[in-house]
């Protein structure tokens, strides 16, 4: 009689976790605000009036 080799199904959840991490990185890169907020770059409004 012939021997039948049965392979166990590999888990899918590690691939799902990797895809979620990659999606999170892409979301962070494209959708987060990357502007630097510097306290020294405050604009001063000119309140003097030249009449």
PDB file of N, CA and C in Angstrom:
ATOM      1  N   UNK A   1       0.833  -1.172   0.000  1.00  0.00           N
ATOM      2  CA  UNK A   1       0.000   0.000   0.000  1.00  0.00           C
ATOM      3  C   UNK A   1       0.891   1.254   0.000  1.00  0.00           C
ATOM      4  N   UNK A   2       0.450   2.286  -0.696  1.00  0.00           N
ATOM      5  CA  UNK A   2       1.235   3.508  -0.806  1.00  0.00           C
ATOM      6  C   UNK A   2       1.048   4.380   0.432  1.00  0.00           C
ATOM      7  N   UNK A   3       2.133   5.062   0.778  1.00  0.00           N
ATOM      8  CA  UNK A   3       2.071   5.952   1.934  1.00  0.00           C
ATOM      9  C   UNK A   3       1.611   7.337   1.474  1.00  0.00           C
ATOM     10  N   UNK A   4       0.629   7.893   2.147  1.00  0.00           N
ATOM     11  CA  UNK A   4       0.106   9.217   1.813  1.00  0.00           C
ATOM     12  C   UNK A   4       0.640  10.209   2.834  1.00  0.00           C
ATOM     13  N   UNK A   5       1.377  11.209   2.338  1.00  0.00           N
ATOM     14  CA  UNK A   5       1.934  12.226   3.222  1.00  0.00           C
ATOM     15  C   UNK A   5       0.923  13.363   3.371  1.00  0.00           C
ATOM     16  N   UNK A   6       0.592  13.673   4.591  1.00  0.00           N
ATOM     17  CA  UNK A   6      -0.355  14.743   4.887  1.00  0.00           C
ATOM     18  C   UNK A   6       0.399  15.867   5.582  1.00  0.00           C
ATOM     19  N   UNK A   7       0.349  17.065   4.970  1.00  0.00           N
ATOM     20  CA  UNK A   7       1.003  18.224   5.572  1.00  0.00           C
ATOM     21  C   UNK A   7      -0.029  19.026   6.355  1.00  0.00           C
ATOM     22  N   UNK A   8       0.388  19.468   7.530  1.00  0.00           N
ATOM     23  CA  UNK A   8      -0.500  20.294   8.327  1.00  0.00           C
ATOM     24  C   UNK A   8      -0.610  21.676   7.711  1.00  0.00           C
ATOM     25  N   UNK A   9      -1.795  22.268   7.851  1.00  0.00           N
ATOM     26  CA  UNK A   9      -2.024  23.605   7.315  1.00  0.00           C
ATOM     27  C   UNK A   9      -1.261  24.615   8.172  1.00  0.00           C
ATOM     28  N   UNK A  10      -0.499  25.492   7.508  1.00  0.00           N
ATOM     29  CA  UNK A  10       0.285  26.495   8.224  1.00  0.00           C
ATOM     30  C   UNK A  10      -0.639  27.599   8.719  1.00  0.00           C
ATOM     31  N   UNK A  11      -0.355  28.169   9.894  1.00  0.00           N
ATOM     32  CA  UNK A  11      -1.220  29.212  10.445  1.00  0.00           C
ATOM     33  C   UNK A  11      -1.166  30.492   9.604  1.00  0.00           C
ATOM     34  N   UNK A  12      -2.304  31.170   9.539  1.00  0.00           N
ATOM     35  CA  UNK A  12      -2.434  32.379   8.741  1.00  0.00           C
ATOM     36  C   UNK A  12      -2.241  33.621   9.612  1.00  0.00           C
ATOM     37  N   UNK A  13      -2.469  33.539  10.915  1.00  0.00           N
ATOM     38  CA  UNK A  13      -2.466  34.717  11.778  1.00  0.00           C
ATOM     39  C   UNK A  13      -1.146  35.471  11.803  1.00  0.00           C
ATOM     40  N   UNK A  14       0.041  34.838  11.627  1.00  0.00           N
ATOM     41  CA  UNK A  14       1.262  35.655  11.578  1.00  0.00           C
ATOM     42  C   UNK A  14       1.268  36.605  10.374  1.00  0.00           C
ATOM     43  N   UNK A  15       0.738  36.153   9.249  1.00  0.00           N
ATOM     44  CA  UNK A  15       0.667  37.019   8.069  1.00  0.00           C
ATOM     45  C   UNK A  15      -0.318  38.156   8.282  1.00  0.00           C
ATOM     46  N   UNK A  16      -1.403  37.890   8.971  1.00  0.00           N
ATOM     47  CA  UNK A  16      -2.378  38.939   9.271  1.00  0.00           C
ATOM     48  C   UNK A  16      -1.743  39.987  10.183  1.00  0.00           C
ATOM     49  N   UNK A  17      -0.975  39.549  11.158  1.00  0.00           N
ATOM     50  CA  UNK A  17      -0.295  40.475  12.066  1.00  0.00           C
ATOM     51  C   UNK A  17       0.718  41.327  11.314  1.00  0.00           C
ATOM     52  N   UNK A  18       1.465  40.738  10.388  1.00  0.00           N
ATOM     53  CA  UNK A  18       2.445  41.487   9.599  1.00  0.00           C
ATOM     54  C   UNK A  18       1.738  42.526   8.737  1.00  0.00           C
ATOM     55  N   UNK A  19       0.629  42.162   8.119  1.00  0.00           N
ATOM     56  CA  UNK A  19      -0.117  43.107   7.284  1.00  0.00           C
ATOM     57  C   UNK A  19      -0.682  44.258   8.108  1.00  0.00           C
ATOM     58  N   UNK A  20      -1.126  43.990   9.330  1.00  0.00           N
ATOM     59  CA  UNK A  20      -1.632  45.054  10.193  1.00  0.00           C
ATOM     60  C   UNK A  20      -0.520  46.014  10.601  1.00  0.00           C
ATOM     61  N   UNK A  21       0.656  45.487  10.863  1.00  0.00           N
ATOM     62  CA  UNK A  21       1.792  46.348  11.212  1.00  0.00           C
ATOM     63  C   UNK A  21       2.179  47.225  10.026  1.00  0.00           C
ATOM     64  N   UNK A  22       2.236  46.647   8.838  1.00  0.00           N
ATOM     65  CA  UNK A  22       2.565  47.426   7.638  1.00  0.00           C
ATOM     66  C   UNK A  22       1.511  48.477   7.374  1.00  0.00           C
ATOM     67  N   UNK A  23       0.240  48.135   7.546  1.00  0.00           N
ATOM     68  CA  UNK A  23      -0.837  49.115   7.358  1.00  0.00           C
ATOM     69  C   UNK A  23      -0.729  50.244   8.377  1.00  0.00           C
ATOM     70  N   UNK A  24      -0.360  49.923   9.606  1.00  0.00           N
ATOM     71  CA  UNK A  24      -0.179  50.956  10.625  1.00  0.00           C
ATOM     72  C   UNK A  24       0.962  51.897  10.291  1.00  0.00           C
ATOM     73  N   UNK A  25       2.045  51.367   9.769  1.00  0.00           N
ATOM     74  CA  UNK A  25       3.178  52.209   9.374  1.00  0.00           C
ATOM     75  C   UNK A  25       2.796  53.120   8.217  1.00  0.00           C
ATOM     76  N   UNK A  26       2.093  52.587   7.236  1.00  0.00           N
ATOM     77  CA  UNK A  26       1.651  53.400   6.094  1.00  0.00           C
ATOM     78  C   UNK A  26       0.696  54.482   6.564  1.00  0.00           C
ATOM     79  N   UNK A  27      -0.220  54.156   7.463  1.00  0.00           N
ATOM     80  CA  UNK A  27      -1.144  55.153   8.000  1.00  0.00           C
ATOM     81  C   UNK A  27      -0.380  56.262   8.708  1.00  0.00           C
ATOM     82  N   UNK A  28       0.608  55.903   9.510  1.00  0.00           N
ATOM     83  CA  UNK A  28       1.384  56.894  10.245  1.00  0.00           C
ATOM     84  C   UNK A  28       2.151  57.812   9.293  1.00  0.00           C
ATOM     85  N   UNK A  29       2.726  57.252   8.259  1.00  0.00           N
ATOM     86  CA  UNK A  29       3.528  58.046   7.326  1.00  0.00           C
ATOM     87  C   UNK A  29       2.662  59.009   6.528  1.00  0.00           C
ATOM     88  N   UNK A  30       1.528  58.570   6.036  1.00  0.00           N
ATOM     89  CA  UNK A  30       0.746  59.382   5.120  1.00  0.00           C
ATOM     90  C   UNK A  30      -0.313  60.257   5.773  1.00  0.00           C
ATOM     91  N   UNK A  31      -0.844  59.868   6.926  1.00  0.00           N
ATOM     92  CA  UNK A  31      -1.981  60.581   7.467  1.00  0.00           C
ATOM     93  C   UNK A  31      -1.692  61.383   8.732  1.00  0.00           C
ATOM     94  N   UNK A  32      -0.555  61.218   9.342  1.00  0.00           N
ATOM     95  CA  UNK A  32      -0.240  61.987  10.546  1.00  0.00           C
ATOM     96  C   UNK A  32       0.390  63.315  10.171  1.00  0.00           C
ATOM     97  N   UNK A  33       0.214  64.296  11.027  1.00  0.00           N
ATOM     98  CA  UNK A  33       0.764  65.628  10.819  1.00  0.00           C
ATOM     99  C   UNK A  33       2.237  65.607  11.213  1.00  0.00           C
ATOM    100  N   UNK A  34       3.112  65.874  10.262  1.00  0.00           N
ATOM    101  CA  UNK A  34       4.540  65.817  10.518  1.00  0.00           C
ATOM    102  C   UNK A  34       5.175  67.201  10.610  1.00  0.00           C
ATOM    103  N   UNK A  35       4.378  68.240  10.820  1.00  0.00           N
ATOM    104  CA  UNK A  35       4.952  69.572  10.930  1.00  0.00           C
ATOM    105  C   UNK A  35       5.556  69.746  12.312  1.00  0.00           C
ATOM    106  N   UNK A  36       6.652  70.461  12.357  1.00  0.00           N
ATOM    107  CA  UNK A  36       7.343  70.698  13.622  1.00  0.00           C
ATOM    108  C   UNK A  36       6.777  71.973  14.225  1.00  0.00           C
ATOM    109  N   UNK A  37       6.316  71.870  15.440  1.00  0.00           N
ATOM    110  CA  UNK A  37       5.766  73.023  16.142  1.00  0.00           C
ATOM    111  C   UNK A  37       6.873  73.636  16.992  1.00  0.00           C
ATOM    112  N   UNK A  38       7.345  74.775  16.548  1.00  0.00           N
ATOM    113  CA  UNK A  38       8.443  75.432  17.233  1.00  0.00           C
ATOM    114  C   UNK A  38       7.893  76.663  17.950  1.00  0.00           C
ATOM    115  N   UNK A  39       8.162  76.774  19.231  1.00  0.00           N
ATOM    116  CA  UNK A  39       7.640  77.896  20.004  1.00  0.00           C
ATOM    117  C   UNK A  39       8.334  79.208  19.641  1.00  0.00           C
ATOM    118  N   UNK A  40       9.510  79.137  19.056  1.00  0.00           N
ATOM    119  CA  UNK A  40      10.257  80.343  18.713  1.00  0.00           C
ATOM    120  C   UNK A  40       9.751  80.999  17.426  1.00  0.00           C
ATOM    121  N   UNK A  41       8.950  80.309  16.664  1.00  0.00           N
ATOM    122  CA  UNK A  41       8.499  80.851  15.391  1.00  0.00           C
ATOM    123  C   UNK A  41       7.084  81.432  15.507  1.00  0.00           C
ATOM    124  N   UNK A  42       6.848  82.239  16.515  1.00  0.00           N
ATOM    125  CA  UNK A  42       5.545  82.848  16.722  1.00  0.00           C
ATOM    126  C   UNK A  42       5.524  84.180  15.974  1.00  0.00           C
ATOM    127  N   UNK A  43       4.490  84.382  15.172  1.00  0.00           N
ATOM    128  CA  UNK A  43       4.370  85.637  14.445  1.00  0.00           C
ATOM    129  C   UNK A  43       3.784  86.703  15.356  1.00  0.00           C
ATOM    130  N   UNK A  44       4.336  87.895  15.269  1.00  0.00           N
ATOM    131  CA  UNK A  44       3.853  88.996  16.078  1.00  0.00           C
ATOM    132  C   UNK A  44       2.997  89.900  15.190  1.00  0.00           C
ATOM    133  N   UNK A  45       1.779  90.140  15.658  1.00  0.00           N
ATOM    134  CA  UNK A  45       0.861  90.959  14.881  1.00  0.00           C
ATOM    135  C   UNK A  45       1.210  92.437  15.074  1.00  0.00           C
ATOM    136  N   UNK A  46       1.218  93.166  13.992  1.00  0.00           N
ATOM    137  CA  UNK A  46       1.518  94.583  14.040  1.00  0.00           C
ATOM    138  C   UNK A  46       0.261  95.333  14.493  1.00  0.00           C
ATOM    139  N   UNK A  47       0.324  95.908  15.700  1.00  0.00           N
ATOM    140  CA  UNK A  47      -0.846  96.591  16.238  1.00  0.00           C
ATOM    141  C   UNK A  47      -0.722  98.094  16.165  1.00  0.00           C
ATOM    142  N   UNK A  48       0.384  98.605  15.651  1.00  0.00           N
ATOM    143  CA  UNK A  48       0.517 100.053  15.539  1.00  0.00           C
ATOM    144  C   UNK A  48      -0.157 100.509  14.256  1.00  0.00           C
ATOM    145  N   UNK A  49      -0.819 101.621  14.325  1.00  0.00           N
ATOM    146  CA  UNK A  49      -1.492 102.137  13.145  1.00  0.00           C
ATOM    147  C   UNK A  49      -0.819 103.414  12.687  1.00  0.00           C
ATOM    148  N   UNK A  50      -0.490 103.453  11.436  1.00  0.00           N
ATOM    149  CA  UNK A  50       0.141 104.639  10.857  1.00  0.00           C
ATOM    150  C   UNK A  50      -0.962 105.511  10.268  1.00  0.00           C
ATOM    151  N   UNK A  51      -1.162 106.708  10.859  1.00  0.00           N
ATOM    152  CA  UNK A  51      -2.248 107.581  10.372  1.00  0.00           C
ATOM    153  C   UNK A  51      -1.706 108.819   9.726  1.00  0.00           C
TER     154      UNK A  51
END
